[in-house]
Amino acid sequence: MIPSVIALFGEAKEGKLDVPYFCKDLLQLFTNLGQPPEETYGLYFAVQTLLYGWPIIYFRVREEGGSFQDYRYGLRFLRSYPIIQMKALFLPGVGSKALIEEGSDLCRERKSLLIIRAADLYDYLTDSNK
């Protein structure tokens, strides 16, 4: 049986792009992705999630909130594997209305939570691009 996971996106100093990293513990996380770059949130929240005992699927992006193709790859991957029991999706740094709505649609389909930062919610609510 595939365990329930939390899907996260974020920058990392190591690891490949366009590769989903399944991690059950901190050793796997840091072996695959290394240390977090300064002023990023993805790996920080990945550590918190693992400390609470939840396995994760981590998608490395070039820039949190700016690498739209990296986010779209991860969202398409998650959508194409419905066997993955996703409990929550965390999109740090994403203020793009289109990406947040794409993530929200996926969460609605999977009956899972969408987690975003307060600053990203503000960007989403004030984004004039439909």
C-alpha atoms as a PDB file:
ATOM      1  CA  MET A   1       0.000   0.000   0.000  1.00  0.00           C
ATOM      2  CA  ILE A   2       1.300   3.447  -0.903  1.00  0.00           C
ATOM      3  CA  PRO A   3       1.438   5.718   2.158  1.00  0.00           C
ATOM      4  CA  SER A   4      -0.270   9.086   2.304  1.00  0.00           C
ATOM      5  CA  VAL A   5       2.175  11.856   1.464  1.00  0.00           C
ATOM      6  CA  ILE A   6       2.547  15.604   1.564  1.00  0.00           C
ATOM      7  CA  ALA A   7       3.702  17.050  -1.777  1.00  0.00           C
ATOM      8  CA  LEU A   8       6.062  20.020  -1.548  1.00  0.00           C
ATOM      9  CA  PHE A   9       7.839  22.267  -4.013  1.00  0.00           C
ATOM     10  CA  GLY A  10      10.969  24.281  -3.322  1.00  0.00           C
ATOM     11  CA  GLU A  11      14.530  25.176  -4.092  1.00  0.00           C
ATOM     12  CA  ALA A  12      17.481  23.018  -3.080  1.00  0.00           C
ATOM     13  CA  LYS A  13      21.234  23.155  -3.578  1.00  0.00           C
ATOM     14  CA  GLU A  14      21.405  19.564  -4.842  1.00  0.00           C
ATOM     15  CA  GLY A  15      19.193  17.130  -6.695  1.00  0.00           C
ATOM     16  CA  LYS A  16      17.776  17.053 -10.188  1.00  0.00           C
ATOM     17  CA  LEU A  17      14.947  19.114 -11.564  1.00  0.00           C
ATOM     18  CA  ASP A  18      11.860  17.336 -12.925  1.00  0.00           C
ATOM     19  CA  VAL A  19      12.387  14.431 -10.520  1.00  0.00           C
ATOM     20  CA  PRO A  20       9.991  13.632  -7.687  1.00  0.00           C
ATOM     21  CA  TYR A  21      11.900  12.752  -4.513  1.00  0.00           C
ATOM     22  CA  PHE A  22      10.057  10.446  -2.122  1.00  0.00           C
ATOM     23  CA  CYS A  23      11.505  10.848   1.378  1.00  0.00           C
ATOM     24  CA  LYS A  24      10.526   9.167   4.619  1.00  0.00           C
ATOM     25  CA  ASP A  25      13.185  10.739   6.834  1.00  0.00           C
ATOM     26  CA  LEU A  26      15.645  13.616   7.147  1.00  0.00           C
ATOM     27  CA  LEU A  27      18.607  11.541   5.983  1.00  0.00           C
ATOM     28  CA  GLN A  28      16.900  10.795   2.652  1.00  0.00           C
ATOM     29  CA  LEU A  29      15.910  14.448   2.281  1.00  0.00           C
ATOM     30  CA  PHE A  30      19.395  15.863   2.851  1.00  0.00           C
ATOM     31  CA  THR A  31      21.145  13.087   0.908  1.00  0.00           C
ATOM     32  CA  ASN A  32      18.989  13.823  -2.146  1.00  0.00           C
ATOM     33  CA  LEU A  33      18.594  17.596  -1.913  1.00  0.00           C
ATOM     34  CA  GLY A  34      21.309  19.004   0.330  1.00  0.00           C
ATOM     35  CA  GLN A  35      20.960  22.242   2.243  1.00  0.00           C
ATOM     36  CA  PRO A  36      18.307  24.867   1.488  1.00  0.00           C
ATOM     37  CA  PRO A  37      19.328  28.095  -0.226  1.00  0.00           C
ATOM     38  CA  GLU A  38      18.864  31.221   1.869  1.00  0.00           C
ATOM     39  CA  GLU A  39      15.403  32.793   2.036  1.00  0.00           C
ATOM     40  CA  THR A  40      13.564  29.740   0.712  1.00  0.00           C
ATOM     41  CA  TYR A  41      10.744  27.775   2.317  1.00  0.00           C
ATOM     42  CA  GLY A  42      10.355  24.393   0.615  1.00  0.00           C
ATOM     43  CA  LEU A  43      13.039  22.411   2.441  1.00  0.00           C
ATOM     44  CA  TYR A  44      12.225  24.114   5.745  1.00  0.00           C
ATOM     45  CA  PHE A  45       8.632  22.891   5.511  1.00  0.00           C
ATOM     46  CA  ALA A  46       9.811  19.486   4.261  1.00  0.00           C
ATOM     47  CA  VAL A  47      11.836  19.102   7.470  1.00  0.00           C
ATOM     48  CA  GLN A  48       8.837  20.119   9.575  1.00  0.00           C
ATOM     49  CA  THR A  49       6.611  17.646   7.736  1.00  0.00           C
ATOM     50  CA  LEU A  50       9.066  14.776   8.198  1.00  0.00           C
ATOM     51  CA  LEU A  51       9.464  15.601  11.893  1.00  0.00           C
ATOM     52  CA  TYR A  52       5.699  15.173  12.241  1.00  0.00           C
ATOM     53  CA  GLY A  53       6.046  11.692  10.748  1.00  0.00           C
ATOM     54  CA  TRP A  54       4.585  12.342   7.289  1.00  0.00           C
ATOM     55  CA  PRO A  55       6.445  11.081   4.215  1.00  0.00           C
ATOM     56  CA  ILE A  56       6.872  13.622   1.440  1.00  0.00           C
ATOM     57  CA  ILE A  57       7.228  13.918  -2.295  1.00  0.00           C
ATOM     58  CA  TYR A  58       9.524  16.869  -2.971  1.00  0.00           C
ATOM     59  CA  PHE A  59       9.822  18.599  -6.334  1.00  0.00           C
ATOM     60  CA  ARG A  60      12.933  20.725  -6.721  1.00  0.00           C
ATOM     61  CA  VAL A  61      12.329  23.989  -8.581  1.00  0.00           C
ATOM     62  CA  ARG A  62      14.846  26.465  -9.987  1.00  0.00           C
ATOM     63  CA  GLU A  63      13.275  29.380  -8.130  1.00  0.00           C
ATOM     64  CA  GLU A  64      10.455  29.297  -5.594  1.00  0.00           C
ATOM     65  CA  GLY A  65       7.533  31.124  -7.123  1.00  0.00           C
ATOM     66  CA  GLY A  66       9.288  31.838 -10.410  1.00  0.00           C
ATOM     67  CA  SER A  67       9.939  28.558 -12.218  1.00  0.00           C
ATOM     68  CA  PHE A  68       6.465  27.987 -13.592  1.00  0.00           C
ATOM     69  CA  GLN A  69       7.534  25.074 -15.825  1.00  0.00           C
ATOM     70  CA  ASP A  70       8.982  23.266 -12.779  1.00  0.00           C
ATOM     71  CA  TYR A  71       5.730  23.677 -10.832  1.00  0.00           C
ATOM     72  CA  ARG A  72       3.670  22.570 -13.826  1.00  0.00           C
ATOM     73  CA  TYR A  73       5.818  19.443 -14.216  1.00  0.00           C
ATOM     74  CA  GLY A  74       5.199  18.483 -10.589  1.00  0.00           C
ATOM     75  CA  LEU A  75       1.479  19.205 -10.745  1.00  0.00           C
ATOM     76  CA  ARG A  76       1.138  17.168 -13.961  1.00  0.00           C
ATOM     77  CA  PHE A  77       3.097  14.330 -12.346  1.00  0.00           C
ATOM     78  CA  LEU A  78       0.817  14.292  -9.309  1.00  0.00           C
ATOM     79  CA  ARG A  79      -2.293  14.450 -11.483  1.00  0.00           C
ATOM     80  CA  SER A  80      -1.104  11.584 -13.697  1.00  0.00           C
ATOM     81  CA  TYR A  81      -0.570   9.246 -10.721  1.00  0.00           C
ATOM     82  CA  PRO A  82      -3.886   9.132  -8.851  1.00  0.00           C
ATOM     83  CA  ILE A  83      -2.570   6.146  -6.872  1.00  0.00           C
ATOM     84  CA  ILE A  84      -0.489   8.652  -4.863  1.00  0.00           C
ATOM     85  CA  GLN A  85      -2.532   9.460  -1.762  1.00  0.00           C
ATOM     86  CA  MET A  86      -1.754  13.159  -1.420  1.00  0.00           C
ATOM     87  CA  LYS A  87      -2.926  14.589   1.913  1.00  0.00           C
ATOM     88  CA  ALA A  88      -1.668  18.124   1.231  1.00  0.00           C
ATOM     89  CA  LEU A  89       0.125  20.225  -1.360  1.00  0.00           C
ATOM     90  CA  PHE A  90       2.493  23.037  -0.372  1.00  0.00           C
ATOM     91  CA  LEU A  91       3.346  25.713  -2.947  1.00  0.00           C
ATOM     92  CA  PRO A  92       5.777  28.175  -1.305  1.00  0.00           C
ATOM     93  CA  GLY A  93       6.473  31.475  -3.007  1.00  0.00           C
ATOM     94  CA  VAL A  94       3.746  30.979  -5.603  1.00  0.00           C
ATOM     95  CA  GLY A  95       1.657  34.100  -5.980  1.00  0.00           C
ATOM     96  CA  SER A  96       0.581  33.227  -9.514  1.00  0.00           C
ATOM     97  CA  LYS A  97      -3.178  32.952  -9.744  1.00  0.00           C
ATOM     98  CA  ALA A  98      -2.915  30.323 -12.499  1.00  0.00           C
ATOM     99  CA  LEU A  99      -0.567  28.033 -10.530  1.00  0.00           C
ATOM    100  CA  ILE A 100      -2.495  28.369  -7.278  1.00  0.00           C
ATOM    101  CA  GLU A 101      -5.744  27.553  -9.078  1.00  0.00           C
ATOM    102  CA  GLU A 102      -4.114  24.561 -10.790  1.00  0.00           C
ATOM    103  CA  GLY A 103      -2.922  23.334  -7.383  1.00  0.00           C
ATOM    104  CA  SER A 104      -6.326  24.051  -5.863  1.00  0.00           C
ATOM    105  CA  ASP A 105      -8.064  22.030  -8.580  1.00  0.00           C
ATOM    106  CA  LEU A 106      -5.737  19.090  -7.929  1.00  0.00           C
ATOM    107  CA  CYS A 107      -6.401  19.317  -4.187  1.00  0.00           C
ATOM    108  CA  ARG A 108     -10.148  19.440  -4.784  1.00  0.00           C
ATOM    109  CA  GLU A 109      -9.924  16.292  -6.938  1.00  0.00           C
ATOM    110  CA  ARG A 110      -7.859  14.500  -4.282  1.00  0.00           C
ATOM    111  CA  LYS A 111      -9.761  15.888  -1.293  1.00  0.00           C
ATOM    112  CA  SER A 112      -6.504  17.227   0.112  1.00  0.00           C
ATOM    113  CA  LEU A 113      -5.310  20.501   1.596  1.00  0.00           C
ATOM    114  CA  LEU A 114      -3.606  23.321  -0.278  1.00  0.00           C
ATOM    115  CA  ILE A 115      -0.994  25.070   1.860  1.00  0.00           C
ATOM    116  CA  ILE A 116       0.338  28.492   0.900  1.00  0.00           C
ATOM    117  CA  ARG A 117       2.041  31.277   2.826  1.00  0.00           C
ATOM    118  CA  ALA A 118       0.148  34.434   3.840  1.00  0.00           C
ATOM    119  CA  ALA A 119       2.251  36.536   1.445  1.00  0.00           C
ATOM    120  CA  ASP A 120       1.332  34.192  -1.409  1.00  0.00           C
ATOM    121  CA  LEU A 121      -2.359  34.379  -0.523  1.00  0.00           C
ATOM    122  CA  TYR A 122      -2.125  38.170  -0.676  1.00  0.00           C
ATOM    123  CA  ASP A 123      -0.458  37.988  -4.106  1.00  0.00           C
ATOM    124  CA  TYR A 124      -3.159  35.590  -5.275  1.00  0.00           C
ATOM    125  CA  LEU A 125      -5.994  37.806  -4.057  1.00  0.00           C
ATOM    126  CA  THR A 126      -4.511  40.944  -5.609  1.00  0.00           C
ATOM    127  CA  ASP A 127      -3.355  39.363  -8.890  1.00  0.00           C
ATOM    128  CA  SER A 128      -5.188  41.162 -11.678  1.00  0.00           C
ATOM    129  CA  ASN A 129      -4.302  38.450 -14.224  1.00  0.00           C
ATOM    130  CA  LYS A 130      -7.257  36.110 -14.611  1.00  0.00           C
END
